[in-house]
Structure formats: C-alpha cells, structure tokens
Amino acid sequence: MRVFPASTIVEGETVLVVLGPGPLEVVAPCRIVYVLDEHDRFGLAYGTLPGHPECGEESFVVERDEHETTFQVTAFSRPAQFVARVGGPAARLVQLRITRRYLEALARYVSDTTD
C-alpha cells in the first residue's frame, strides 16, 4: 500500500491510496476530513471519494495520558464499486489486512523512535 502525496496531512487534501502490485493495483481516492493535533492526541480521518472501491470514512487517533498510549482505528464503509460488491468477504479480508498493516507500521515507528 502506498499513499500519494506521502507527506501531506492537511484537512481538505486529496490523497490517493494505491493498493496491489503493477497491473492489479487499485487506486482509491480519499479526502482528509479532519486532523487532530493536540497536546495529548494526534490523528486524522479520511472519507472516500468517487472512484474508491468503498464508500465510507476511517479515522486514526493516537492518544496518550500519564499511564498509557492508545491507537484507535474507527471505520465504516459499504461497497461502492461492482468489484467490491461481488467480492464481499474478500473485500472484508483486504480491509482487515490493511488495518493490520496500519498497526504494524505504527509499532515499527514507535520502536524506531524509542531506540
């Protein structure tokens, strides 16, 4: 999975999430709906745009207090394209795999910054 542009987290910005290899890749356009940048909370939410295989929103929020740090992913969606509708269970597996990759990337980031 790749995101373009990779370094922009600005409310209202359009981003492209590219999934899959070469000729099988799927380009999923999204718009950043909001950004949280507070002392103890950081995150963002994006909504899908026309052309995305799903229709919905997803948010990612890291929150910390004096005792712990948590990462919350909240998502809701429904199929928007024919492929997503007929691929029902497979589409859900893809979503679960992507969420797992989000968590793995966050764990790597935390590990790299605490070493």
PDB file of N, CA and C in Angstrom:
ATOM      1  N   MET A   1       0.844  -1.167   0.000  1.00  0.00           N
ATOM      2  CA  MET A   1       0.000   0.000   0.000  1.00  0.00           C
ATOM      3  C   MET A   1       0.893   1.234   0.000  1.00  0.00           C
ATOM      4  N   ARG A   2       0.566   2.177  -0.854  1.00  0.00           N
ATOM      5  CA  ARG A   2       1.301   3.436  -0.931  1.00  0.00           C
ATOM      6  C   ARG A   2       0.293   4.586  -0.902  1.00  0.00           C
ATOM      7  N   VAL A   3       0.706   5.714  -0.341  1.00  0.00           N
ATOM      8  CA  VAL A   3      -0.156   6.894  -0.262  1.00  0.00           C
ATOM      9  C   VAL A   3       0.555   8.046  -0.951  1.00  0.00           C
ATOM     10  N   PHE A   4      -0.169   8.764  -1.809  1.00  0.00           N
ATOM     11  CA  PHE A   4       0.381   9.919  -2.524  1.00  0.00           C
ATOM     12  C   PHE A   4      -0.512  11.124  -2.288  1.00  0.00           C
ATOM     13  N   PRO A   5      -0.003  12.282  -1.948  1.00  0.00           N
ATOM     14  CA  PRO A   5       1.384  12.513  -1.532  1.00  0.00           C
ATOM     15  C   PRO A   5       1.622  11.907  -0.160  1.00  0.00           C
ATOM     16  N   ALA A   6       2.824  11.453   0.051  1.00  0.00           N
ATOM     17  CA  ALA A   6       3.159  10.698   1.259  1.00  0.00           C
ATOM     18  C   ALA A   6       3.326  11.574   2.494  1.00  0.00           C
ATOM     19  N   SER A   7       3.630  12.833   2.333  1.00  0.00           N
ATOM     20  CA  SER A   7       3.986  13.650   3.488  1.00  0.00           C
ATOM     21  C   SER A   7       2.927  14.685   3.867  1.00  0.00           C
ATOM     22  N   THR A   8       1.799  14.704   3.186  1.00  0.00           N
ATOM     23  CA  THR A   8       0.816  15.747   3.430  1.00  0.00           C
ATOM     24  C   THR A   8      -0.298  15.246   4.352  1.00  0.00           C
ATOM     25  N   ILE A   9      -0.490  15.947   5.464  1.00  0.00           N
ATOM     26  CA  ILE A   9      -1.638  15.673   6.340  1.00  0.00           C
ATOM     27  C   ILE A   9      -2.293  17.026   6.594  1.00  0.00           C
ATOM     28  N   VAL A  10      -3.151  17.420   5.656  1.00  0.00           N
ATOM     29  CA  VAL A  10      -3.818  18.710   5.719  1.00  0.00           C
ATOM     30  C   VAL A  10      -5.302  18.495   5.481  1.00  0.00           C
ATOM     31  N   GLU A  11      -6.118  19.038   6.367  1.00  0.00           N
ATOM     32  CA  GLU A  11      -7.566  18.924   6.195  1.00  0.00           C
ATOM     33  C   GLU A  11      -7.958  19.425   4.816  1.00  0.00           C
ATOM     34  N   GLY A  12      -8.791  18.651   4.138  1.00  0.00           N
ATOM     35  CA  GLY A  12      -9.253  19.018   2.800  1.00  0.00           C
ATOM     36  C   GLY A  12      -8.373  18.492   1.681  1.00  0.00           C
ATOM     37  N   GLU A  13      -7.178  17.992   2.000  1.00  0.00           N
ATOM     38  CA  GLU A  13      -6.245  17.477   0.994  1.00  0.00           C
ATOM     39  C   GLU A  13      -6.770  16.168   0.405  1.00  0.00           C
ATOM     40  N   THR A  14      -6.610  16.006  -0.895  1.00  0.00           N
ATOM     41  CA  THR A  14      -6.946  14.751  -1.555  1.00  0.00           C
ATOM     42  C   THR A  14      -5.713  13.883  -1.586  1.00  0.00           C
ATOM     43  N   VAL A  15      -5.872  12.616  -1.229  1.00  0.00           N
ATOM     44  CA  VAL A  15      -4.769  11.656  -1.275  1.00  0.00           C
ATOM     45  C   VAL A  15      -5.220  10.444  -2.078  1.00  0.00           C
ATOM     46  N   LEU A  16      -4.245   9.749  -2.658  1.00  0.00           N
ATOM     47  CA  LEU A  16      -4.509   8.520  -3.386  1.00  0.00           C
ATOM     48  C   LEU A  16      -3.864   7.377  -2.638  1.00  0.00           C
ATOM     49  N   VAL A  17      -4.657   6.386  -2.301  1.00  0.00           N
ATOM     50  CA  VAL A  17      -4.145   5.172  -1.681  1.00  0.00           C
ATOM     51  C   VAL A  17      -4.067   4.139  -2.802  1.00  0.00           C
ATOM     52  N   VAL A  18      -2.859   3.631  -3.042  1.00  0.00           N
ATOM     53  CA  VAL A  18      -2.648   2.677  -4.125  1.00  0.00           C
ATOM     54  C   VAL A  18      -2.388   1.312  -3.509  1.00  0.00           C
ATOM     55  N   LEU A  19      -3.214   0.348  -3.876  1.00  0.00           N
ATOM     56  CA  LEU A  19      -3.133  -1.000  -3.329  1.00  0.00           C
ATOM     57  C   LEU A  19      -2.780  -1.976  -4.436  1.00  0.00           C
ATOM     58  N   GLY A  20      -1.949  -2.947  -4.113  1.00  0.00           N
ATOM     59  CA  GLY A  20      -1.665  -4.031  -5.040  1.00  0.00           C
ATOM     60  C   GLY A  20      -0.480  -3.765  -5.945  1.00  0.00           C
ATOM     61  N   PRO A  21      -0.020  -4.837  -6.585  1.00  0.00           N
ATOM     62  CA  PRO A  21       1.150  -4.737  -7.455  1.00  0.00           C
ATOM     63  C   PRO A  21       0.778  -4.436  -8.911  1.00  0.00           C
ATOM     64  N   GLY A  22       1.612  -3.673  -9.569  1.00  0.00           N
ATOM     65  CA  GLY A  22       1.566  -3.440 -11.012  1.00  0.00           C
ATOM     66  C   GLY A  22       0.197  -3.354 -11.638  1.00  0.00           C
ATOM     67  N   PRO A  23      -0.086  -4.239 -12.597  1.00  0.00           N
ATOM     68  CA  PRO A  23      -1.347  -4.132 -13.342  1.00  0.00           C
ATOM     69  C   PRO A  23      -2.582  -4.451 -12.493  1.00  0.00           C
ATOM     70  N   LEU A  24      -2.387  -5.028 -11.321  1.00  0.00           N
ATOM     71  CA  LEU A  24      -3.515  -5.345 -10.444  1.00  0.00           C
ATOM     72  C   LEU A  24      -3.796  -4.252  -9.426  1.00  0.00           C
ATOM     73  N   GLU A  25      -3.052  -3.145  -9.499  1.00  0.00           N
ATOM     74  CA  GLU A  25      -3.219  -2.122  -8.476  1.00  0.00           C
ATOM     75  C   GLU A  25      -4.575  -1.428  -8.576  1.00  0.00           C
ATOM     76  N   VAL A  26      -5.048  -1.018  -7.418  1.00  0.00           N
ATOM     77  CA  VAL A  26      -6.304  -0.289  -7.291  1.00  0.00           C
ATOM     78  C   VAL A  26      -5.962   1.076  -6.715  1.00  0.00           C
ATOM     79  N   VAL A  27      -6.426   2.128  -7.366  1.00  0.00           N
ATOM     80  CA  VAL A  27      -6.215   3.483  -6.866  1.00  0.00           C
ATOM     81  C   VAL A  27      -7.492   3.914  -6.166  1.00  0.00           C
ATOM     82  N   ALA A  28      -7.360   4.277  -4.888  1.00  0.00           N
ATOM     83  CA  ALA A  28      -8.508   4.629  -4.062  1.00  0.00           C
ATOM     84  C   ALA A  28      -8.383   6.087  -3.610  1.00  0.00           C
ATOM     85  N   PRO A  29      -9.096   7.003  -4.249  1.00  0.00           N
ATOM     86  CA  PRO A  29      -9.008   8.417  -3.860  1.00  0.00           C
ATOM     87  C   PRO A  29      -9.757   8.694  -2.556  1.00  0.00           C
ATOM     88  N   CYS A  30      -9.150   9.540  -1.719  1.00  0.00           N
ATOM     89  CA  CYS A  30      -9.718   9.905  -0.422  1.00  0.00           C
ATOM     90  C   CYS A  30      -9.470  11.383  -0.157  1.00  0.00           C
ATOM     91  N   ARG A  31     -10.242  11.939   0.754  1.00  0.00           N
ATOM     92  CA  ARG A  31     -10.015  13.315   1.195  1.00  0.00           C
ATOM     93  C   ARG A  31      -9.877  13.308   2.705  1.00  0.00           C
ATOM     94  N   ILE A  32      -8.892  14.050   3.201  1.00  0.00           N
ATOM     95  CA  ILE A  32      -8.708  14.164   4.649  1.00  0.00           C
ATOM     96  C   ILE A  32      -9.811  15.068   5.182  1.00  0.00           C
ATOM     97  N   VAL A  33     -10.660  14.499   6.039  1.00  0.00           N
ATOM     98  CA  VAL A  33     -11.840  15.194   6.557  1.00  0.00           C
ATOM     99  C   VAL A  33     -11.478  16.088   7.732  1.00  0.00           C
ATOM    100  N   TYR A  34     -10.633  15.583   8.628  1.00  0.00           N
ATOM    101  CA  TYR A  34     -10.164  16.410   9.740  1.00  0.00           C
ATOM    102  C   TYR A  34      -8.822  15.905  10.229  1.00  0.00           C
ATOM    103  N   VAL A  35      -8.116  16.796  10.914  1.00  0.00           N
ATOM    104  CA  VAL A  35      -6.829  16.488  11.525  1.00  0.00           C
ATOM    105  C   VAL A  35      -6.892  16.916  12.981  1.00  0.00           C
ATOM    106  N   LEU A  36      -6.470  16.038  13.884  1.00  0.00           N
ATOM    107  CA  LEU A  36      -6.337  16.372  15.301  1.00  0.00           C
ATOM    108  C   LEU A  36      -4.862  16.575  15.593  1.00  0.00           C
ATOM    109  N   ASP A  37      -4.506  17.675  16.194  1.00  0.00           N
ATOM    110  CA  ASP A  37      -3.112  17.918  16.565  1.00  0.00           C
ATOM    111  C   ASP A  37      -3.119  18.649  17.904  1.00  0.00           C
ATOM    112  N   GLU A  38      -3.302  17.864  18.966  1.00  0.00           N
ATOM    113  CA  GLU A  38      -3.400  18.398  20.312  1.00  0.00           C
ATOM    114  C   GLU A  38      -2.249  17.878  21.157  1.00  0.00           C
ATOM    115  N   HIS A  39      -2.103  18.415  22.344  1.00  0.00           N
ATOM    116  CA  HIS A  39      -1.004  18.029  23.226  1.00  0.00           C
ATOM    117  C   HIS A  39      -0.967  16.519  23.482  1.00  0.00           C
ATOM    118  N   ASP A  40      -2.124  15.921  23.719  1.00  0.00           N
ATOM    119  CA  ASP A  40      -2.177  14.504  24.076  1.00  0.00           C
ATOM    120  C   ASP A  40      -2.895  13.633  23.052  1.00  0.00           C
ATOM    121  N   ARG A  41      -3.199  14.214  21.881  1.00  0.00           N
ATOM    122  CA  ARG A  41      -3.936  13.477  20.860  1.00  0.00           C
ATOM    123  C   ARG A  41      -3.514  13.923  19.472  1.00  0.00           C
ATOM    124  N   PHE A  42      -3.280  12.940  18.596  1.00  0.00           N
ATOM    125  CA  PHE A  42      -2.974  13.246  17.202  1.00  0.00           C
ATOM    126  C   PHE A  42      -3.701  12.240  16.329  1.00  0.00           C
ATOM    127  N   GLY A  43      -4.245  12.702  15.236  1.00  0.00           N
ATOM    128  CA  GLY A  43      -4.911  11.771  14.340  1.00  0.00           C
ATOM    129  C   GLY A  43      -5.511  12.468  13.150  1.00  0.00           C
ATOM    130  N   LEU A  44      -6.165  11.663  12.337  1.00  0.00           N
ATOM    131  CA  LEU A  44      -6.827  12.182  11.153  1.00  0.00           C
ATOM    132  C   LEU A  44      -7.951  11.241  10.764  1.00  0.00           C
ATOM    133  N   ALA A  45      -8.843  11.753   9.949  1.00  0.00           N
ATOM    134  CA  ALA A  45      -9.893  10.937   9.364  1.00  0.00           C
ATOM    135  C   ALA A  45      -9.934  11.255   7.886  1.00  0.00           C
ATOM    136  N   TYR A  46     -10.237  10.241   7.093  1.00  0.00           N
ATOM    137  CA  TYR A  46     -10.428  10.493   5.681  1.00  0.00           C
ATOM    138  C   TYR A  46     -11.736   9.869   5.225  1.00  0.00           C
ATOM    139  N   GLY A  47     -12.304  10.470   4.197  1.00  0.00           N
ATOM    140  CA  GLY A  47     -13.513   9.951   3.571  1.00  0.00           C
ATOM    141  C   GLY A  47     -13.183   9.552   2.149  1.00  0.00           C
ATOM    142  N   THR A  48     -13.865   8.537   1.674  1.00  0.00           N
ATOM    143  CA  THR A  48     -13.628   8.085   0.310  1.00  0.00           C
ATOM    144  C   THR A  48     -14.240   9.068  -0.682  1.00  0.00           C
ATOM    145  N   LEU A  49     -13.677   9.087  -1.874  1.00  0.00           N
ATOM    146  CA  LEU A  49     -14.168   9.926  -2.968  1.00  0.00           C
ATOM    147  C   LEU A  49     -14.637   9.028  -4.110  1.00  0.00           C
ATOM    148  N   PRO A  50     -15.380   9.580  -5.075  1.00  0.00           N
ATOM    149  CA  PRO A  50     -15.784   8.775  -6.229  1.00  0.00           C
ATOM    150  C   PRO A  50     -14.551   8.117  -6.875  1.00  0.00           C
ATOM    151  N   GLY A  51     -14.702   6.849  -7.219  1.00  0.00           N
ATOM    152  CA  GLY A  51     -13.593   6.072  -7.767  1.00  0.00           C
ATOM    153  C   GLY A  51     -12.993   5.113  -6.758  1.00  0.00           C
ATOM    154  N   HIS A  52     -13.245   5.344  -5.470  1.00  0.00           N
ATOM    155  CA  HIS A  52     -12.780   4.439  -4.418  1.00  0.00           C
ATOM    156  C   HIS A  52     -13.685   3.208  -4.439  1.00  0.00           C
ATOM    157  N   PRO A  53     -13.121   1.987  -4.239  1.00  0.00           N
ATOM    158  CA  PRO A  53     -13.962   0.793  -4.269  1.00  0.00           C
ATOM    159  C   PRO A  53     -15.006   0.749  -3.146  1.00  0.00           C
ATOM    160  N   GLU A  54     -14.766   1.464  -2.067  1.00  0.00           N
ATOM    161  CA  GLU A  54     -15.695   1.503  -0.935  1.00  0.00           C
ATOM    162  C   GLU A  54     -16.216   2.931  -0.772  1.00  0.00           C
ATOM    163  N   CYS A  55     -17.297   3.065  -0.028  1.00  0.00           N
ATOM    164  CA  CYS A  55     -17.833   4.368   0.322  1.00  0.00           C
ATOM    165  C   CYS A  55     -17.869   4.423   1.844  1.00  0.00           C
ATOM    166  N   GLY A  56     -17.119   5.360   2.441  1.00  0.00           N
ATOM    167  CA  GLY A  56     -17.110   5.428   3.895  1.00  0.00           C
ATOM    168  C   GLY A  56     -16.054   6.369   4.423  1.00  0.00           C
ATOM    169  N   GLU A  57     -15.779   6.217   5.710  1.00  0.00           N
ATOM    170  CA  GLU A  57     -14.760   7.028   6.391  1.00  0.00           C
ATOM    171  C   GLU A  57     -13.946   6.142   7.314  1.00  0.00           C
ATOM    172  N   GLU A  58     -12.740   6.609   7.604  1.00  0.00           N
ATOM    173  CA  GLU A  58     -11.848   5.899   8.514  1.00  0.00           C
ATOM    174  C   GLU A  58     -11.055   6.939   9.287  1.00  0.00           C
ATOM    175  N   SER A  59     -10.899   6.705  10.592  1.00  0.00           N
ATOM    176  CA  SER A  59     -10.099   7.627  11.403  1.00  0.00           C
ATOM    177  C   SER A  59      -9.021   6.851  12.143  1.00  0.00           C
ATOM    178  N   PHE A  60      -7.935   7.561  12.420  1.00  0.00           N
ATOM    179  CA  PHE A  60      -6.777   7.011  13.123  1.00  0.00           C
ATOM    180  C   PHE A  60      -6.385   8.025  14.179  1.00  0.00           C
ATOM    181  N   VAL A  61      -6.430   7.626  15.448  1.00  0.00           N
ATOM    182  CA  VAL A  61      -6.132   8.572  16.529  1.00  0.00           C
ATOM    183  C   VAL A  61      -5.188   7.917  17.529  1.00  0.00           C
ATOM    184  N   VAL A  62      -4.083   8.614  17.816  1.00  0.00           N
ATOM    185  CA  VAL A  62      -3.149   8.209  18.872  1.00  0.00           C
ATOM    186  C   VAL A  62      -3.401   9.147  20.046  1.00  0.00           C
ATOM    187  N   GLU A  63      -3.623   8.560  21.212  1.00  0.00           N
ATOM    188  CA  GLU A  63      -3.904   9.357  22.398  1.00  0.00           C
ATOM    189  C   GLU A  63      -3.025   8.854  23.539  1.00  0.00           C
ATOM    190  N   ARG A  64      -2.515   9.788  24.325  1.00  0.00           N
ATOM    191  CA  ARG A  64      -1.680   9.372  25.456  1.00  0.00           C
ATOM    192  C   ARG A  64      -2.059  10.155  26.697  1.00  0.00           C
ATOM    193  N   ASP A  65      -1.884   9.467  27.824  1.00  0.00           N
ATOM    194  CA  ASP A  65      -2.011  10.132  29.116  1.00  0.00           C
ATOM    195  C   ASP A  65      -0.803   9.703  29.939  1.00  0.00           C
ATOM    196  N   GLU A  66      -0.820   9.978  31.223  1.00  0.00           N
ATOM    197  CA  GLU A  66       0.367   9.669  32.036  1.00  0.00           C
ATOM    198  C   GLU A  66       0.596   8.168  32.205  1.00  0.00           C
ATOM    199  N   HIS A  67      -0.390   7.339  31.853  1.00  0.00           N
ATOM    200  CA  HIS A  67      -0.278   5.897  32.080  1.00  0.00           C
ATOM    201  C   HIS A  67      -0.116   5.063  30.819  1.00  0.00           C
ATOM    202  N   GLU A  68      -0.681   5.511  29.709  1.00  0.00           N
ATOM    203  CA  GLU A  68      -0.634   4.672  28.517  1.00  0.00           C
ATOM    204  C   GLU A  68      -0.810   5.479  27.246  1.00  0.00           C
ATOM    205  N   THR A  69      -0.469   4.836  26.138  1.00  0.00           N
ATOM    206  CA  THR A  69      -0.706   5.384  24.813  1.00  0.00           C
ATOM    207  C   THR A  69      -1.597   4.400  24.074  1.00  0.00           C
ATOM    208  N   THR A  70      -2.631   4.928  23.431  1.00  0.00           N
ATOM    209  CA  THR A  70      -3.539   4.070  22.681  1.00  0.00           C
ATOM    210  C   THR A  70      -3.619   4.533  21.236  1.00  0.00           C
ATOM    211  N   PHE A  71      -3.942   3.593  20.360  1.00  0.00           N
ATOM    212  CA  PHE A  71      -4.142   3.879  18.941  1.00  0.00           C
ATOM    213  C   PHE A  71      -5.494   3.311  18.568  1.00  0.00           C
ATOM    214  N   GLN A  72      -6.374   4.163  18.069  1.00  0.00           N
ATOM    215  CA  GLN A  72      -7.723   3.732  17.735  1.00  0.00           C
ATOM    216  C   GLN A  72      -7.982   3.928  16.247  1.00  0.00           C
ATOM    217  N   VAL A  73      -8.451   2.879  15.601  1.00  0.00           N
ATOM    218  CA  VAL A  73      -8.889   2.936  14.210  1.00  0.00           C
ATOM    219  C   VAL A  73     -10.402   2.736  14.224  1.00  0.00           C
ATOM    220  N   THR A  74     -11.121   3.689  13.640  1.00  0.00           N
ATOM    221  CA  THR A  74     -12.572   3.589  13.538  1.00  0.00           C
ATOM    222  C   THR A  74     -12.933   3.686  12.063  1.00  0.00           C
ATOM    223  N   ALA A  75     -13.752   2.744  11.592  1.00  0.00           N
ATOM    224  CA  ALA A  75     -14.093   2.732  10.174  1.00  0.00           C
ATOM    225  C   ALA A  75     -15.527   2.290   9.963  1.00  0.00           C
ATOM    226  N   PHE A  76     -16.129   2.854   8.933  1.00  0.00           N
ATOM    227  CA  PHE A  76     -17.405   2.346   8.454  1.00  0.00           C
ATOM    228  C   PHE A  76     -17.398   2.492   6.944  1.00  0.00           C
ATOM    229  N   SER A  77     -17.949   1.497   6.264  1.00  0.00           N
ATOM    230  CA  SER A  77     -17.959   1.541   4.809  1.00  0.00           C
ATOM    231  C   SER A  77     -18.987   0.584   4.252  1.00  0.00           C
ATOM    232  N   ARG A  78     -19.250   0.773   2.976  1.00  0.00           N
ATOM    233  CA  ARG A  78     -20.071  -0.152   2.206  1.00  0.00           C
ATOM    234  C   ARG A  78     -19.470  -0.199   0.805  1.00  0.00           C
ATOM    235  N   PRO A  79     -19.691  -1.274   0.085  1.00  0.00           N
ATOM    236  CA  PRO A  79     -19.135  -1.362  -1.265  1.00  0.00           C
ATOM    237  C   PRO A  79     -19.673  -0.248  -2.157  1.00  0.00           C
ATOM    238  N   ALA A  80     -18.802   0.329  -2.955  1.00  0.00           N
ATOM    239  CA  ALA A  80     -19.211   1.388  -3.876  1.00  0.00           C
ATOM    240  C   ALA A  80     -19.081   0.951  -5.329  1.00  0.00           C
ATOM    241  N   GLN A  81     -18.188   0.031  -5.607  1.00  0.00           N
ATOM    242  CA  GLN A  81     -17.971  -0.434  -6.972  1.00  0.00           C
ATOM    243  C   GLN A  81     -18.386  -1.896  -7.090  1.00  0.00           C
ATOM    244  N   PHE A  82     -18.685  -2.300  -8.303  1.00  0.00           N
ATOM    245  CA  PHE A  82     -19.126  -3.656  -8.583  1.00  0.00           C
ATOM    246  C   PHE A  82     -18.167  -4.698  -8.001  1.00  0.00           C
ATOM    247  N   VAL A  83     -16.877  -4.494  -8.193  1.00  0.00           N
ATOM    248  CA  VAL A  83     -15.882  -5.457  -7.713  1.00  0.00           C
ATOM    249  C   VAL A  83     -15.975  -5.622  -6.197  1.00  0.00           C
ATOM    250  N   ALA A  84     -16.148  -4.532  -5.484  1.00  0.00           N
ATOM    251  CA  ALA A  84     -16.265  -4.607  -4.018  1.00  0.00           C
ATOM    252  C   ALA A  84     -17.573  -5.290  -3.607  1.00  0.00           C
ATOM    253  N   ARG A  85     -18.636  -5.062  -4.371  1.00  0.00           N
ATOM    254  CA  ARG A  85     -19.928  -5.686  -4.032  1.00  0.00           C
ATOM    255  C   ARG A  85     -19.881  -7.199  -4.233  1.00  0.00           C
ATOM    256  N   VAL A  86     -19.350  -7.657  -5.362  1.00  0.00           N
ATOM    257  CA  VAL A  86     -19.318  -9.104  -5.615  1.00  0.00           C
ATOM    258  C   VAL A  86     -18.212  -9.786  -4.830  1.00  0.00           C
ATOM    259  N   GLY A  87     -17.226  -9.022  -4.418  1.00  0.00           N
ATOM    260  CA  GLY A  87     -16.112  -9.592  -3.666  1.00  0.00           C
ATOM    261  C   GLY A  87     -16.333  -9.586  -2.173  1.00  0.00           C
ATOM    262  N   GLY A  88     -17.550  -9.254  -1.716  1.00  0.00           N
ATOM    263  CA  GLY A  88     -17.933  -9.151  -0.314  1.00  0.00           C
ATOM    264  C   GLY A  88     -16.947  -9.655   0.724  1.00  0.00           C
ATOM    265  N   PRO A  89     -16.900 -10.975   0.982  1.00  0.00           N
ATOM    266  CA  PRO A  89     -15.998 -11.497   2.011  1.00  0.00           C
ATOM    267  C   PRO A  89     -14.522 -11.217   1.720  1.00  0.00           C
ATOM    268  N   ALA A  90     -14.142 -11.276   0.465  1.00  0.00           N
ATOM    269  CA  ALA A  90     -12.745 -10.987   0.114  1.00  0.00           C
ATOM    270  C   ALA A  90     -12.412  -9.522   0.383  1.00  0.00           C
ATOM    271  N   ALA A  91     -13.363  -8.632   0.103  1.00  0.00           N
ATOM    272  CA  ALA A  91     -13.136  -7.207   0.363  1.00  0.00           C
ATOM    273  C   ALA A  91     -12.935  -6.966   1.855  1.00  0.00           C
ATOM    274  N   ARG A  92     -13.691  -7.651   2.700  1.00  0.00           N
ATOM    275  CA  ARG A  92     -13.526  -7.508   4.158  1.00  0.00           C
ATOM    276  C   ARG A  92     -12.159  -8.024   4.593  1.00  0.00           C
ATOM    277  N   LEU A  93     -11.700  -9.111   3.996  1.00  0.00           N
ATOM    278  CA  LEU A  93     -10.362  -9.624   4.322  1.00  0.00           C
ATOM    279  C   LEU A  93      -9.285  -8.616   3.941  1.00  0.00           C
ATOM    280  N   VAL A  94      -9.457  -7.977   2.797  1.00  0.00           N
ATOM    281  CA  VAL A  94      -8.497  -6.933   2.383  1.00  0.00           C
ATOM    282  C   VAL A  94      -8.506  -5.800   3.399  1.00  0.00           C
ATOM    283  N   GLN A  95      -9.688  -5.373   3.843  1.00  0.00           N
ATOM    284  CA  GLN A  95      -9.765  -4.298   4.837  1.00  0.00           C
ATOM    285  C   GLN A  95      -9.070  -4.702   6.133  1.00  0.00           C
ATOM    286  N   LEU A  96      -9.279  -5.926   6.586  1.00  0.00           N
ATOM    287  CA  LEU A  96      -8.616  -6.390   7.812  1.00  0.00           C
ATOM    288  C   LEU A  96      -7.102  -6.425   7.639  1.00  0.00           C
ATOM    289  N   ARG A  97      -6.652  -6.856   6.490  1.00  0.00           N
ATOM    290  CA  ARG A  97      -5.197  -6.892   6.224  1.00  0.00           C
ATOM    291  C   ARG A  97      -4.609  -5.486   6.241  1.00  0.00           C
ATOM    292  N   ILE A  98      -5.313  -4.543   5.643  1.00  0.00           N
ATOM    293  CA  ILE A  98      -4.828  -3.159   5.628  1.00  0.00           C
ATOM    294  C   ILE A  98      -4.774  -2.605   7.047  1.00  0.00           C
ATOM    295  N   THR A  99      -5.801  -2.861   7.851  1.00  0.00           N
ATOM    296  CA  THR A  99      -5.787  -2.397   9.244  1.00  0.00           C
ATOM    297  C   THR A  99      -4.618  -3.012   9.994  1.00  0.00           C
ATOM    298  N   ARG A 100      -4.357  -4.280   9.776  1.00  0.00           N
ATOM    299  CA  ARG A 100      -3.209  -4.938  10.413  1.00  0.00           C
ATOM    300  C   ARG A 100      -1.905  -4.248   9.995  1.00  0.00           C
ATOM    301  N   ARG A 101      -1.807  -3.859   8.734  1.00  0.00           N
ATOM    302  CA  ARG A 101      -0.595  -3.169   8.260  1.00  0.00           C
ATOM    303  C   ARG A 101      -0.458  -1.790   8.903  1.00  0.00           C
ATOM    304  N   TYR A 102      -1.579  -1.085   9.138  1.00  0.00           N
ATOM    305  CA  TYR A 102      -1.525   0.188   9.857  1.00  0.00           C
ATOM    306  C   TYR A 102      -0.896  -0.028  11.231  1.00  0.00           C
ATOM    307  N   LEU A 103      -1.386  -1.048  11.928  1.00  0.00           N
ATOM    308  CA  LEU A 103      -0.891  -1.316  13.280  1.00  0.00           C
ATOM    309  C   LEU A 103       0.578  -1.718  13.271  1.00  0.00           C
ATOM    310  N   GLU A 104       0.987  -2.521  12.303  1.00  0.00           N
ATOM    311  CA  GLU A 104       2.395  -2.916  12.189  1.00  0.00           C
ATOM    312  C   GLU A 104       3.285  -1.703  11.912  1.00  0.00           C
ATOM    313  N   ALA A 105       2.827  -0.815  11.044  1.00  0.00           N
ATOM    314  CA  ALA A 105       3.607   0.390  10.733  1.00  0.00           C
ATOM    315  C   ALA A 105       3.743   1.273  11.964  1.00  0.00           C
ATOM    316  N   LEU A 106       2.670   1.415  12.727  1.00  0.00           N
ATOM    317  CA  LEU A 106       2.736   2.215  13.950  1.00  0.00           C
ATOM    318  C   LEU A 106       3.697   1.581  14.948  1.00  0.00           C
ATOM    319  N   ALA A 107       3.656   0.270  15.094  1.00  0.00           N
ATOM    320  CA  ALA A 107       4.565  -0.427  16.016  1.00  0.00           C
ATOM    321  C   ALA A 107       6.021  -0.222  15.590  1.00  0.00           C
ATOM    322  N   ARG A 108       6.285  -0.293  14.282  1.00  0.00           N
ATOM    323  CA  ARG A 108       7.660  -0.044  13.793  1.00  0.00           C
ATOM    324  C   ARG A 108       8.084   1.385  14.095  1.00  0.00           C
ATOM    325  N   TYR A 109       7.194   2.332  13.872  1.00  0.00           N
ATOM    326  CA  TYR A 109       7.510   3.734  14.132  1.00  0.00           C
ATOM    327  C   TYR A 109       7.828   3.950  15.602  1.00  0.00           C
ATOM    328  N   VAL A 110       6.996   3.413  16.472  1.00  0.00           N
ATOM    329  CA  VAL A 110       7.220   3.570  17.919  1.00  0.00           C
ATOM    330  C   VAL A 110       8.549   2.910  18.302  1.00  0.00           C
ATOM    331  N   SER A 111       8.823   1.745  17.783  1.00  0.00           N
ATOM    332  CA  SER A 111      10.074   1.040  18.077  1.00  0.00           C
ATOM    333  C   SER A 111      11.284   1.857  17.610  1.00  0.00           C
ATOM    334  N   ASP A 112      11.201   2.427  16.408  1.00  0.00           N
ATOM    335  CA  ASP A 112      12.314   3.225  15.871  1.00  0.00           C
ATOM    336  C   ASP A 112      12.552   4.492  16.661  1.00  0.00           C
ATOM    337  N   THR A 113      11.485   5.111  17.182  1.00  0.00           N
ATOM    338  CA  THR A 113      11.650   6.376  17.905  1.00  0.00           C
ATOM    339  C   THR A 113      12.028   6.183  19.364  1.00  0.00           C
ATOM    340  N   THR A 114      11.884   4.973  19.883  1.00  0.00           N
ATOM    341  CA  THR A 114      12.244   4.743  21.286  1.00  0.00           C
ATOM    342  C   THR A 114      13.617   4.092  21.436  1.00  0.00           C
ATOM    343  N   ASP A 115      14.228   3.703  20.328  1.00  0.00           N
ATOM    344  CA  ASP A 115      15.568   3.083  20.389  1.00  0.00           C
ATOM    345  C   ASP A 115      16.650   4.119  20.577  1.00  0.00           C
TER     346      ASP A 115
END
